[in-house]
PDB file of all heavy atoms in Angstrom:
ATOM      1  N   LYS A   1      79.831 203.525 253.588  1.00  0.00           N
ATOM      2  CA  LYS A   1      78.974 204.321 254.476  1.00  0.00           C
ATOM      3  C   LYS A   1      79.832 205.129 255.439  1.00  0.00           C
ATOM      4  O   LYS A   1      80.769 204.636 256.045  1.00  0.00           O
ATOM      5  CB  LYS A   1      78.033 203.407 255.257  1.00  0.00           C
ATOM      6  CG  LYS A   1      76.895 202.857 254.426  1.00  0.00           C
ATOM      7  CD  LYS A   1      75.994 201.953 255.258  1.00  0.00           C
ATOM      8  CE  LYS A   1      74.853 201.393 254.416  1.00  0.00           C
ATOM      9  NZ  LYS A   1      74.011 200.448 255.175  1.00  0.00           N
ATOM     10  N   GLY A   2      79.493 206.403 255.581  1.00  0.00           N
ATOM     11  CA  GLY A   2      80.250 207.292 256.450  1.00  0.00           C
ATOM     12  C   GLY A   2      81.447 207.931 255.782  1.00  0.00           C
ATOM     13  O   GLY A   2      82.045 208.858 256.332  1.00  0.00           O
ATOM     14  N   ARG A   3      81.813 207.449 254.589  1.00  0.00           N
ATOM     15  CA  ARG A   3      82.956 208.011 253.866  1.00  0.00           C
ATOM     16  C   ARG A   3      82.542 208.673 252.549  1.00  0.00           C
ATOM     17  O   ARG A   3      83.122 209.668 252.150  1.00  0.00           O
ATOM     18  CB  ARG A   3      83.989 206.920 253.568  1.00  0.00           C
ATOM     19  CG  ARG A   3      84.550 206.236 254.792  1.00  0.00           C
ATOM     20  CD  ARG A   3      85.722 205.315 254.419  1.00  0.00           C
ATOM     21  NE  ARG A   3      85.343 204.230 253.536  1.00  0.00           N
ATOM     22  CZ  ARG A   3      85.892 204.013 252.328  1.00  0.00           C
ATOM     23  NH1 ARG A   3      86.858 204.805 251.893  1.00  0.00           N
ATOM     24  NH2 ARG A   3      85.491 202.991 251.585  1.00  0.00           N
ATOM     25  N   PHE A   4      81.572 208.106 251.869  1.00  0.00           N
ATOM     26  CA  PHE A   4      81.120 208.617 250.575  1.00  0.00           C
ATOM     27  C   PHE A   4      79.751 209.269 250.726  1.00  0.00           C
ATOM     28  O   PHE A   4      78.922 208.822 251.526  1.00  0.00           O
ATOM     29  CB  PHE A   4      81.004 207.485 249.561  1.00  0.00           C
ATOM     30  CG  PHE A   4      82.310 206.872 249.114  1.00  0.00           C
ATOM     31  CD1 PHE A   4      83.502 207.151 249.749  1.00  0.00           C
ATOM     32  CD2 PHE A   4      82.317 205.999 248.028  1.00  0.00           C
ATOM     33  CE1 PHE A   4      84.692 206.577 249.332  1.00  0.00           C
ATOM     34  CE2 PHE A   4      83.491 205.407 247.593  1.00  0.00           C
ATOM     35  CZ  PHE A   4      84.684 205.698 248.262  1.00  0.00           C
ATOM     36  N   THR A   5      79.510 210.293 249.911  1.00  0.00           N
ATOM     37  CA  THR A   5      78.212 210.958 249.887  1.00  0.00           C
ATOM     38  C   THR A   5      77.788 211.183 248.443  1.00  0.00           C
ATOM     39  O   THR A   5      78.542 211.768 247.664  1.00  0.00           O
ATOM     40  CB  THR A   5      78.266 212.302 250.616  1.00  0.00           C
ATOM     41  OG1 THR A   5      78.698 212.104 251.968  1.00  0.00           O
ATOM     42  CG2 THR A   5      76.884 212.956 250.630  1.00  0.00           C
ATOM     43  N   ILE A   6      76.598 210.716 248.116  1.00  0.00           N
ATOM     44  CA  ILE A   6      76.041 210.958 246.788  1.00  0.00           C
ATOM     45  C   ILE A   6      75.068 212.123 246.870  1.00  0.00           C
ATOM     46  O   ILE A   6      74.331 212.269 247.856  1.00  0.00           O
ATOM     47  CB  ILE A   6      75.350 209.689 246.233  1.00  0.00           C
ATOM     48  CG1 ILE A   6      74.962 209.893 244.767  1.00  0.00           C
ATOM     49  CG2 ILE A   6      74.159 209.279 247.094  1.00  0.00           C
ATOM     50  CD1 ILE A   6      74.475 208.614 244.083  1.00  0.00           C
ATOM     51  N   SER A   7      75.098 212.964 245.843  1.00  0.00           N
ATOM     52  CA  SER A   7      74.184 214.102 245.790  1.00  0.00           C
ATOM     53  C   SER A   7      73.889 214.416 244.338  1.00  0.00           C
ATOM     54  O   SER A   7      74.551 213.900 243.435  1.00  0.00           O
ATOM     55  CB  SER A   7      74.779 215.323 246.501  1.00  0.00           C
ATOM     56  OG  SER A   7      75.979 215.734 245.870  1.00  0.00           O
ATOM     57  N   ARG A   8      72.902 215.265 244.113  1.00  0.00           N
ATOM     58  CA  ARG A   8      72.555 215.629 242.746  1.00  0.00           C
ATOM     59  C   ARG A   8      72.132 217.085 242.682  1.00  0.00           C
ATOM     60  O   ARG A   8      71.627 217.642 243.660  1.00  0.00           O
ATOM     61  CB  ARG A   8      71.454 214.724 242.208  1.00  0.00           C
ATOM     62  CG  ARG A   8      70.116 214.844 242.911  1.00  0.00           C
ATOM     63  CD  ARG A   8      69.136 213.751 242.448  1.00  0.00           C
ATOM     64  NE  ARG A   8      68.843 213.845 241.022  1.00  0.00           N
ATOM     65  CZ  ARG A   8      68.314 212.861 240.305  1.00  0.00           C
ATOM     66  NH1 ARG A   8      68.033 211.705 240.894  1.00  0.00           N
ATOM     67  NH2 ARG A   8      68.054 213.025 239.021  1.00  0.00           N
ATOM     68  N   ASP A   9      72.353 217.674 241.511  1.00  0.00           N
ATOM     69  CA  ASP A   9      71.935 219.049 241.225  1.00  0.00           C
ATOM     70  C   ASP A   9      71.151 218.988 239.929  1.00  0.00           C
ATOM     71  O   ASP A   9      71.736 218.925 238.835  1.00  0.00           O
ATOM     72  CB  ASP A   9      73.153 219.958 241.105  1.00  0.00           C
ATOM     73  CG  ASP A   9      72.777 221.420 240.928  1.00  0.00           C
ATOM     74  OD1 ASP A   9      71.633 221.702 240.485  1.00  0.00           O
ATOM     75  OD2 ASP A   9      73.613 222.288 241.206  1.00  0.00           O
ATOM     76  N   ASN A  10      69.835 218.986 240.038  1.00  0.00           N
ATOM     77  CA  ASN A  10      69.008 218.831 238.843  1.00  0.00           C
ATOM     78  C   ASN A  10      69.121 220.030 237.907  1.00  0.00           C
ATOM     79  O   ASN A  10      68.941 219.895 236.699  1.00  0.00           O
ATOM     80  CB  ASN A  10      67.549 218.610 239.236  1.00  0.00           C
ATOM     81  CG  ASN A  10      67.327 217.252 239.873  1.00  0.00           C
ATOM     82  OD1 ASN A  10      68.114 216.317 239.689  1.00  0.00           O
ATOM     83  ND2 ASN A  10      66.257 217.140 240.649  1.00  0.00           N
ATOM     84  N   ALA A  11      69.407 221.195 238.440  1.00  0.00           N
ATOM     85  CA  ALA A  11      69.574 222.377 237.591  1.00  0.00           C
ATOM     86  C   ALA A  11      70.792 222.246 236.689  1.00  0.00           C
ATOM     87  O   ALA A  11      70.836 222.829 235.601  1.00  0.00           O
ATOM     88  CB  ALA A  11      69.692 223.626 238.458  1.00  0.00           C
ATOM     89  N   LYS A  12      71.771 221.470 237.135  1.00  0.00           N
ATOM     90  CA  LYS A  12      72.993 221.272 236.354  1.00  0.00           C
ATOM     91  C   LYS A  12      73.036 219.896 235.691  1.00  0.00           C
ATOM     92  O   LYS A  12      74.036 219.540 235.073  1.00  0.00           O
ATOM     93  CB  LYS A  12      74.222 221.439 237.246  1.00  0.00           C
ATOM     94  CG  LYS A  12      74.380 222.840 237.800  1.00  0.00           C
ATOM     95  CD  LYS A  12      75.649 222.946 238.632  1.00  0.00           C
ATOM     96  CE  LYS A  12      75.837 224.367 239.147  1.00  0.00           C
ATOM     97  NZ  LYS A  12      77.070 224.501 239.972  1.00  0.00           N
ATOM     98  N   ASN A  13      71.973 219.111 235.859  1.00  0.00           N
ATOM     99  CA  ASN A  13      71.940 217.754 235.296  1.00  0.00           C
ATOM    100  C   ASN A  13      73.160 216.948 235.722  1.00  0.00           C
ATOM    101  O   ASN A  13      73.776 216.241 234.904  1.00  0.00           O
ATOM    102  CB  ASN A  13      71.867 217.791 233.761  1.00  0.00           C
ATOM    103  CG  ASN A  13      70.461 218.039 233.257  1.00  0.00           C
ATOM    104  OD1 ASN A  13      69.587 218.460 234.001  1.00  0.00           O
ATOM    105  ND2 ASN A  13      70.242 217.799 231.977  1.00  0.00           N
ATOM    106  N   THR A  14      73.508 217.039 236.972  1.00  0.00           N
ATOM    107  CA  THR A  14      74.747 216.423 237.443  1.00  0.00           C
ATOM    108  C   THR A  14      74.521 215.685 238.765  1.00  0.00           C
ATOM    109  O   THR A  14      73.786 216.165 239.633  1.00  0.00           O
ATOM    110  CB  THR A  14      75.842 217.485 237.628  1.00  0.00           C
ATOM    111  OG1 THR A  14      76.071 218.138 236.376  1.00  0.00           O
ATOM    112  CG2 THR A  14      77.143 216.858 238.094  1.00  0.00           C
ATOM    113  N   VAL A  15      75.159 214.543 238.868  1.00  0.00           N
ATOM    114  CA  VAL A  15      75.192 213.803 240.125  1.00  0.00           C
ATOM    115  C   VAL A  15      76.645 213.721 240.579  1.00  0.00           C
ATOM    116  O   VAL A  15      77.555 213.642 239.744  1.00  0.00           O
ATOM    117  CB  VAL A  15      74.561 212.408 239.965  1.00  0.00           C
ATOM    118  CG1 VAL A  15      75.326 211.547 238.982  1.00  0.00           C
ATOM    119  CG2 VAL A  15      74.446 211.710 241.308  1.00  0.00           C
ATOM    120  N   TYR A  16      76.853 213.762 241.877  1.00  0.00           N
ATOM    121  CA  TYR A  16      78.193 213.795 242.444  1.00  0.00           C
ATOM    122  C   TYR A  16      78.408 212.613 243.384  1.00  0.00           C
ATOM    123  O   TYR A  16      77.465 212.081 243.967  1.00  0.00           O
ATOM    124  CB  TYR A  16      78.405 215.085 243.231  1.00  0.00           C
ATOM    125  CG  TYR A  16      78.169 216.342 242.440  1.00  0.00           C
ATOM    126  CD1 TYR A  16      76.953 217.013 242.515  1.00  0.00           C
ATOM    127  CD2 TYR A  16      79.162 216.863 241.619  1.00  0.00           C
ATOM    128  CE1 TYR A  16      76.727 218.167 241.793  1.00  0.00           C
ATOM    129  CE2 TYR A  16      78.946 218.021 240.889  1.00  0.00           C
ATOM    130  CZ  TYR A  16      77.730 218.667 240.981  1.00  0.00           C
ATOM    131  OH  TYR A  16      77.511 219.808 240.256  1.00  0.00           O
ATOM    132  N   LEU A  17      79.667 212.263 243.539  1.00  0.00           N
ATOM    133  CA  LEU A  17      80.051 211.297 244.556  1.00  0.00           C
ATOM    134  C   LEU A  17      81.262 211.869 245.282  1.00  0.00           C
ATOM    135  O   LEU A  17      82.365 211.906 244.724  1.00  0.00           O
ATOM    136  CB  LEU A  17      80.376 209.934 243.958  1.00  0.00           C
ATOM    137  CG  LEU A  17      80.669 208.846 244.995  1.00  0.00           C
ATOM    138  CD1 LEU A  17      79.393 208.494 245.766  1.00  0.00           C
ATOM    139  CD2 LEU A  17      81.231 207.585 244.315  1.00  0.00           C
ATOM    140  N   GLN A  18      81.038 212.367 246.481  1.00  0.00           N
ATOM    141  CA  GLN A  18      82.124 212.861 247.319  1.00  0.00           C
ATOM    142  C   GLN A  18      82.721 211.685 248.064  1.00  0.00           C
ATOM    143  O   GLN A  18      82.011 210.988 248.791  1.00  0.00           O
ATOM    144  CB  GLN A  18      81.603 213.904 248.304  1.00  0.00           C
ATOM    145  CG  GLN A  18      82.661 214.441 249.250  1.00  0.00           C
ATOM    146  CD  GLN A  18      83.726 215.253 248.538  1.00  0.00           C
ATOM    147  OE1 GLN A  18      83.434 216.072 247.679  1.00  0.00           O
ATOM    148  NE2 GLN A  18      84.986 215.004 248.899  1.00  0.00           N
ATOM    149  N   MET A  19      84.016 211.474 247.883  1.00  0.00           N
ATOM    150  CA  MET A  19      84.690 210.327 248.484  1.00  0.00           C
ATOM    151  C   MET A  19      85.769 210.825 249.429  1.00  0.00           C
ATOM    152  O   MET A  19      86.724 211.479 248.993  1.00  0.00           O
ATOM    153  CB  MET A  19      85.302 209.447 247.388  1.00  0.00           C
ATOM    154  CG  MET A  19      84.302 209.001 246.334  1.00  0.00           C
ATOM    155  SD  MET A  19      84.991 207.822 245.150  1.00  0.00           S
ATOM    156  CE  MET A  19      86.232 208.838 244.362  1.00  0.00           C
ATOM    157  N   ASN A  20      85.611 210.525 250.688  1.00  0.00           N
ATOM    158  CA  ASN A  20      86.566 210.919 251.723  1.00  0.00           C
ATOM    159  C   ASN A  20      87.200 209.690 252.355  1.00  0.00           C
ATOM    160  O   ASN A  20      86.684 208.576 252.211  1.00  0.00           O
ATOM    161  CB  ASN A  20      85.866 211.748 252.803  1.00  0.00           C
ATOM    162  CG  ASN A  20      85.259 213.026 252.262  1.00  0.00           C
ATOM    163  OD1 ASN A  20      85.774 213.636 251.327  1.00  0.00           O
ATOM    164  ND2 ASN A  20      84.150 213.446 252.860  1.00  0.00           N
ATOM    165  N   SER A  21      88.302 209.903 253.040  1.00  0.00           N
ATOM    166  CA  SER A  21      88.999 208.810 253.736  1.00  0.00           C
ATOM    167  C   SER A  21      89.214 207.620 252.795  1.00  0.00           C
ATOM    168  O   SER A  21      88.929 206.465 253.150  1.00  0.00           O
ATOM    169  CB  SER A  21      88.201 208.374 254.963  1.00  0.00           C
ATOM    170  OG  SER A  21      88.021 209.452 255.844  1.00  0.00           O
ATOM    171  N   LEU A  22      89.708 207.915 251.624  1.00  0.00           N
ATOM    172  CA  LEU A  22      89.865 206.867 250.615  1.00  0.00           C
ATOM    173  C   LEU A  22      90.883 205.821 251.043  1.00  0.00           C
ATOM    174  O   LEU A  22      91.875 206.124 251.731  1.00  0.00           O
ATOM    175  CB  LEU A  22      90.265 207.480 249.288  1.00  0.00           C
ATOM    176  CG  LEU A  22      89.096 208.129 248.532  1.00  0.00           C
ATOM    177  CD1 LEU A  22      89.603 209.110 247.480  1.00  0.00           C
ATOM    178  CD2 LEU A  22      88.231 207.069 247.891  1.00  0.00           C
ATOM    179  N   LYS A  23      90.614 204.592 250.610  1.00  0.00           N
ATOM    180  CA  LYS A  23      91.466 203.448 250.933  1.00  0.00           C
ATOM    181  C   LYS A  23      91.943 202.799 249.634  1.00  0.00           C
ATOM    182  O   LYS A  23      91.279 202.920 248.592  1.00  0.00           O
ATOM    183  CB  LYS A  23      90.665 202.425 251.729  1.00  0.00           C
ATOM    184  CG  LYS A  23      90.020 202.955 252.984  1.00  0.00           C
ATOM    185  CD  LYS A  23      89.151 201.893 253.636  1.00  0.00           C
ATOM    186  CE  LYS A  23      88.459 202.415 254.883  1.00  0.00           C
ATOM    187  NZ  LYS A  23      87.593 201.381 255.513  1.00  0.00           N
ATOM    188  N   PRO A  24      93.056 202.087 249.678  1.00  0.00           N
ATOM    189  CA  PRO A  24      93.505 201.383 248.463  1.00  0.00           C
ATOM    190  C   PRO A  24      92.431 200.458 247.886  1.00  0.00           C
ATOM    191  O   PRO A  24      92.357 200.296 246.665  1.00  0.00           O
ATOM    192  CB  PRO A  24      94.718 200.594 248.955  1.00  0.00           C
ATOM    193  CG  PRO A  24      95.267 201.439 250.060  1.00  0.00           C
ATOM    194  CD  PRO A  24      94.055 202.005 250.760  1.00  0.00           C
ATOM    195  N   ASP A  25      91.586 199.879 248.733  1.00  0.00           N
ATOM    196  CA  ASP A  25      90.512 199.005 248.246  1.00  0.00           C
ATOM    197  C   ASP A  25      89.451 199.757 247.443  1.00  0.00           C
ATOM    198  O   ASP A  25      88.621 199.121 246.781  1.00  0.00           O
ATOM    199  CB  ASP A  25      89.823 198.297 249.418  1.00  0.00           C
ATOM    200  CG  ASP A  25      90.659 197.164 249.986  1.00  0.00           C
ATOM    201  OD1 ASP A  25      91.665 196.791 249.341  1.00  0.00           O
ATOM    202  OD2 ASP A  25      90.326 196.662 251.058  1.00  0.00           O
ATOM    203  N   ASP A  26      89.466 201.071 247.491  1.00  0.00           N
ATOM    204  CA  ASP A  26      88.528 201.862 246.690  1.00  0.00           C
ATOM    205  C   ASP A  26      89.002 202.032 245.248  1.00  0.00           C
ATOM    206  O   ASP A  26      88.285 202.588 244.412  1.00  0.00           O
ATOM    207  CB  ASP A  26      88.324 203.250 247.305  1.00  0.00           C
ATOM    208  CG  ASP A  26      87.670 203.193 248.675  1.00  0.00           C
ATOM    209  OD1 ASP A  26      86.722 202.402 248.843  1.00  0.00           O
ATOM    210  OD2 ASP A  26      88.111 203.945 249.568  1.00  0.00           O
ATOM    211  N   THR A  27      90.206 201.569 244.954  1.00  0.00           N
ATOM    212  CA  THR A  27      90.746 201.682 243.603  1.00  0.00           C
ATOM    213  C   THR A  27      89.883 200.896 242.620  1.00  0.00           C
ATOM    214  O   THR A  27      89.635 199.701 242.808  1.00  0.00           O
ATOM    215  CB  THR A  27      92.187 201.153 243.560  1.00  0.00           C
ATOM    216  OG1 THR A  27      93.019 202.006 244.358  1.00  0.00           O
ATOM    217  CG2 THR A  27      92.720 201.124 242.137  1.00  0.00           C
ATOM    218  N   ALA A  28      89.413 201.578 241.584  1.00  0.00           N
ATOM    219  CA  ALA A  28      88.532 200.960 240.598  1.00  0.00           C
ATOM    220  C   ALA A  28      88.191 201.982 239.531  1.00  0.00           C
ATOM    221  O   ALA A  28      88.490 203.174 239.675  1.00  0.00           O
ATOM    222  CB  ALA A  28      87.240 200.472 241.259  1.00  0.00           C
ATOM    223  N   VAL A  29      87.553 201.507 238.487  1.00  0.00           N
ATOM    224  CA  VAL A  29      86.898 202.400 237.544  1.00  0.00           C
ATOM    225  C   VAL A  29      85.487 202.644 238.077  1.00  0.00           C
ATOM    226  O   VAL A  29      84.766 201.689 238.383  1.00  0.00           O
ATOM    227  CB  VAL A  29      86.840 201.802 236.132  1.00  0.00           C
ATOM    228  CG1 VAL A  29      86.076 202.729 235.194  1.00  0.00           C
ATOM    229  CG2 VAL A  29      88.251 201.549 235.598  1.00  0.00           C
ATOM    230  N   TYR A  30      85.126 203.898 238.188  1.00  0.00           N
ATOM    231  CA  TYR A  30      83.826 204.277 238.732  1.00  0.00           C
ATOM    232  C   TYR A  30      82.890 204.667 237.586  1.00  0.00           C
ATOM    233  O   TYR A  30      83.258 205.482 236.727  1.00  0.00           O
ATOM    234  CB  TYR A  30      83.967 205.423 239.712  1.00  0.00           C
ATOM    235  CG  TYR A  30      84.484 204.962 241.048  1.00  0.00           C
ATOM    236  CD1 TYR A  30      85.798 204.532 241.200  1.00  0.00           C
ATOM    237  CD2 TYR A  30      83.659 204.934 242.173  1.00  0.00           C
ATOM    238  CE1 TYR A  30      86.274 204.079 242.424  1.00  0.00           C
ATOM    239  CE2 TYR A  30      84.120 204.493 243.404  1.00  0.00           C
ATOM    240  CZ  TYR A  30      85.426 204.060 243.520  1.00  0.00           C
ATOM    241  OH  TYR A  30      85.893 203.610 244.733  1.00  0.00           O
ATOM    242  N   TYR A  31      81.686 204.091 237.616  1.00  0.00           N
ATOM    243  CA  TYR A  31      80.700 204.305 236.574  1.00  0.00           C
ATOM    244  C   TYR A  31      79.460 204.975 237.139  1.00  0.00           C
ATOM    245  O   TYR A  31      78.975 204.617 238.219  1.00  0.00           O
ATOM    246  CB  TYR A  31      80.286 202.983 235.941  1.00  0.00           C
ATOM    247  CG  TYR A  31      81.391 202.257 235.234  1.00  0.00           C
ATOM    248  CD1 TYR A  31      82.185 201.328 235.896  1.00  0.00           C
ATOM    249  CD2 TYR A  31      81.634 202.486 233.870  1.00  0.00           C
ATOM    250  CE1 TYR A  31      83.200 200.652 235.238  1.00  0.00           C
ATOM    251  CE2 TYR A  31      82.649 201.815 233.214  1.00  0.00           C
ATOM    252  CZ  TYR A  31      83.423 200.904 233.894  1.00  0.00           C
ATOM    253  OH  TYR A  31      84.428 200.237 233.235  1.00  0.00           O
ATOM    254  N   CYS A  32      78.929 205.877 236.365  1.00  0.00           N
ATOM    255  CA  CYS A  32      77.662 206.520 236.672  1.00  0.00           C
ATOM    256  C   CYS A  32      76.571 205.801 235.876  1.00  0.00           C
ATOM    257  O   CYS A  32      76.804 205.367 234.741  1.00  0.00           O
ATOM    258  CB  CYS A  32      77.762 207.980 236.248  1.00  0.00           C
ATOM    259  SG  CYS A  32      76.250 208.920 236.338  1.00  0.00           S
ATOM    260  N   ALA A  33      75.382 205.681 236.464  1.00  0.00           N
ATOM    261  CA  ALA A  33      74.284 204.999 235.789  1.00  0.00           C
ATOM    262  C   ALA A  33      72.971 205.699 236.100  1.00  0.00           C
ATOM    263  O   ALA A  33      72.828 206.330 237.158  1.00  0.00           O
ATOM    264  CB  ALA A  33      74.216 203.548 236.237  1.00  0.00           C
ATOM    265  N   ALA A  34      72.025 205.562 235.184  1.00  0.00           N
ATOM    266  CA  ALA A  34      70.716 206.197 235.338  1.00  0.00           C
ATOM    267  C   ALA A  34      69.617 205.170 235.119  1.00  0.00           C
ATOM    268  O   ALA A  34      69.736 204.280 234.277  1.00  0.00           O
ATOM    269  CB  ALA A  34      70.549 207.343 234.348  1.00  0.00           C
ATOM    270  N   ARG A  35      68.521 205.307 235.865  1.00  0.00           N
ATOM    271  CA  ARG A  35      67.376 204.421 235.709  1.00  0.00           C
ATOM    272  C   ARG A  35      66.110 205.247 235.801  1.00  0.00           C
ATOM    273  O   ARG A  35      66.025 206.174 236.605  1.00  0.00           O
ATOM    274  CB  ARG A  35      67.380 203.327 236.766  1.00  0.00           C
ATOM    275  CG  ARG A  35      67.459 203.823 238.201  1.00  0.00           C
ATOM    276  CD  ARG A  35      67.460 202.670 239.184  1.00  0.00           C
ATOM    277  NE  ARG A  35      66.107 202.181 239.411  1.00  0.00           N
ATOM    278  CZ  ARG A  35      65.843 201.100 240.129  1.00  0.00           C
ATOM    279  NH1 ARG A  35      66.818 200.370 240.625  1.00  0.00           N
ATOM    280  NH2 ARG A  35      64.597 200.716 240.318  1.00  0.00           N
ATOM    281  N   SER A  36      65.118 204.866 235.000  1.00  0.00           N
ATOM    282  CA  SER A  36      63.858 205.598 234.985  1.00  0.00           C
ATOM    283  C   SER A  36      62.758 204.862 235.736  1.00  0.00           C
ATOM    284  O   SER A  36      61.736 205.461 236.050  1.00  0.00           O
ATOM    285  CB  SER A  36      63.409 205.847 233.544  1.00  0.00           C
ATOM    286  OG  SER A  36      63.272 204.617 232.850  1.00  0.00           O
ATOM    287  N   SER A  37      62.964 203.596 236.011  1.00  0.00           N
ATOM    288  CA  SER A  37      61.928 202.803 236.664  1.00  0.00           C
ATOM    289  C   SER A  37      62.208 202.683 238.154  1.00  0.00           C
ATOM    290  O   SER A  37      63.361 202.662 238.584  1.00  0.00           O
ATOM    291  CB  SER A  37      61.864 201.412 236.039  1.00  0.00           C
ATOM    292  OG  SER A  37      60.994 200.567 236.781  1.00  0.00           O
ATOM    293  N   SER A  38      61.154 202.579 238.917  1.00  0.00           N
ATOM    294  CA  SER A  38      61.303 202.351 240.352  1.00  0.00           C
ATOM    295  C   SER A  38      61.324 200.861 240.688  1.00  0.00           C
ATOM    296  O   SER A  38      61.535 200.480 241.834  1.00  0.00           O
ATOM    297  CB  SER A  38      60.141 203.011 241.111  1.00  0.00           C
ATOM    298  OG  SER A  38      58.907 202.445 240.684  1.00  0.00           O
ATOM    299  N   ARG A  39      61.173 200.023 239.676  1.00  0.00           N
ATOM    300  CA  ARG A  39      61.182 198.580 239.920  1.00  0.00           C
ATOM    301  C   ARG A  39      62.603 198.057 239.947  1.00  0.00           C
ATOM    302  O   ARG A  39      63.460 198.506 239.216  1.00  0.00           O
ATOM    303  CB  ARG A  39      60.379 197.868 238.822  1.00  0.00           C
ATOM    304  CG  ARG A  39      58.887 198.126 238.913  1.00  0.00           C
ATOM    305  CD  ARG A  39      58.140 197.387 237.832  1.00  0.00           C
ATOM    306  NE  ARG A  39      58.494 197.850 236.499  1.00  0.00           N
ATOM    307  CZ  ARG A  39      58.009 197.326 235.382  1.00  0.00           C
ATOM    308  NH1 ARG A  39      57.181 196.288 235.451  1.00  0.00           N
ATOM    309  NH2 ARG A  39      58.372 197.807 234.214  1.00  0.00           N
ATOM    310  N   GLY A  40      62.839 197.056 240.748  1.00  0.00           N
ATOM    311  CA  GLY A  40      64.156 196.460 240.825  1.00  0.00           C
ATOM    312  C   GLY A  40      65.027 197.128 241.862  1.00  0.00           C
ATOM    313  O   GLY A  40      64.827 198.291 242.210  1.00  0.00           O
ATOM    314  N   SER A  41      66.012 196.385 242.317  1.00  0.00           N
ATOM    315  CA  SER A  41      66.886 196.877 243.362  1.00  0.00           C
ATOM    316  C   SER A  41      67.838 197.954 242.855  1.00  0.00           C
ATOM    317  O   SER A  41      68.379 197.849 241.751  1.00  0.00           O
ATOM    318  CB  SER A  41      67.700 195.715 243.927  1.00  0.00           C
ATOM    319  OG  SER A  41      68.729 196.188 244.780  1.00  0.00           O
ATOM    320  N   TYR A  42      68.081 198.962 243.646  1.00  0.00           N
ATOM    321  CA  TYR A  42      69.062 199.981 243.310  1.00  0.00           C
ATOM    322  C   TYR A  42      70.474 199.406 243.300  1.00  0.00           C
ATOM    323  O   TYR A  42      71.378 199.996 242.733  1.00  0.00           O
ATOM    324  CB  TYR A  42      68.992 201.146 244.298  1.00  0.00           C
ATOM    325  CG  TYR A  42      67.813 202.038 244.069  1.00  0.00           C
ATOM    326  CD1 TYR A  42      66.662 201.932 244.846  1.00  0.00           C
ATOM    327  CD2 TYR A  42      67.832 202.994 243.068  1.00  0.00           C
ATOM    328  CE1 TYR A  42      65.569 202.745 244.624  1.00  0.00           C
ATOM    329  CE2 TYR A  42      66.745 203.819 242.840  1.00  0.00           C
ATOM    330  CZ  TYR A  42      65.621 203.689 243.623  1.00  0.00           C
ATOM    331  OH  TYR A  42      64.542 204.498 243.398  1.00  0.00           O
ATOM    332  N   TYR A  43      70.658 198.261 243.943  1.00  0.00           N
ATOM    333  CA  TYR A  43      71.969 197.654 244.069  1.00  0.00           C
ATOM    334  C   TYR A  43      72.354 196.800 242.857  1.00  0.00           C
ATOM    335  O   TYR A  43      73.477 196.332 242.766  1.00  0.00           O
ATOM    336  CB  TYR A  43      72.011 196.771 245.318  1.00  0.00           C
ATOM    337  CG  TYR A  43      71.813 197.513 246.614  1.00  0.00           C
ATOM    338  CD1 TYR A  43      70.551 197.932 247.016  1.00  0.00           C
ATOM    339  CD2 TYR A  43      72.896 197.799 247.438  1.00  0.00           C
ATOM    340  CE1 TYR A  43      70.371 198.626 248.216  1.00  0.00           C
ATOM    341  CE2 TYR A  43      72.725 198.481 248.640  1.00  0.00           C
ATOM    342  CZ  TYR A  43      71.461 198.881 249.013  1.00  0.00           C
ATOM    343  OH  TYR A  43      71.291 199.559 250.192  1.00  0.00           O
TER     344      TYR A  43
END
């Protein structure tokens, strides 16, 4: 929170993750995921 921003452009069918003030603990493989249902936690 305060460092990353998620956004989307439906015209381009694209979602973005802007990552600022990166830390070594942010090192990982990052995966994008899609869901069609509103049920269940986003987390």
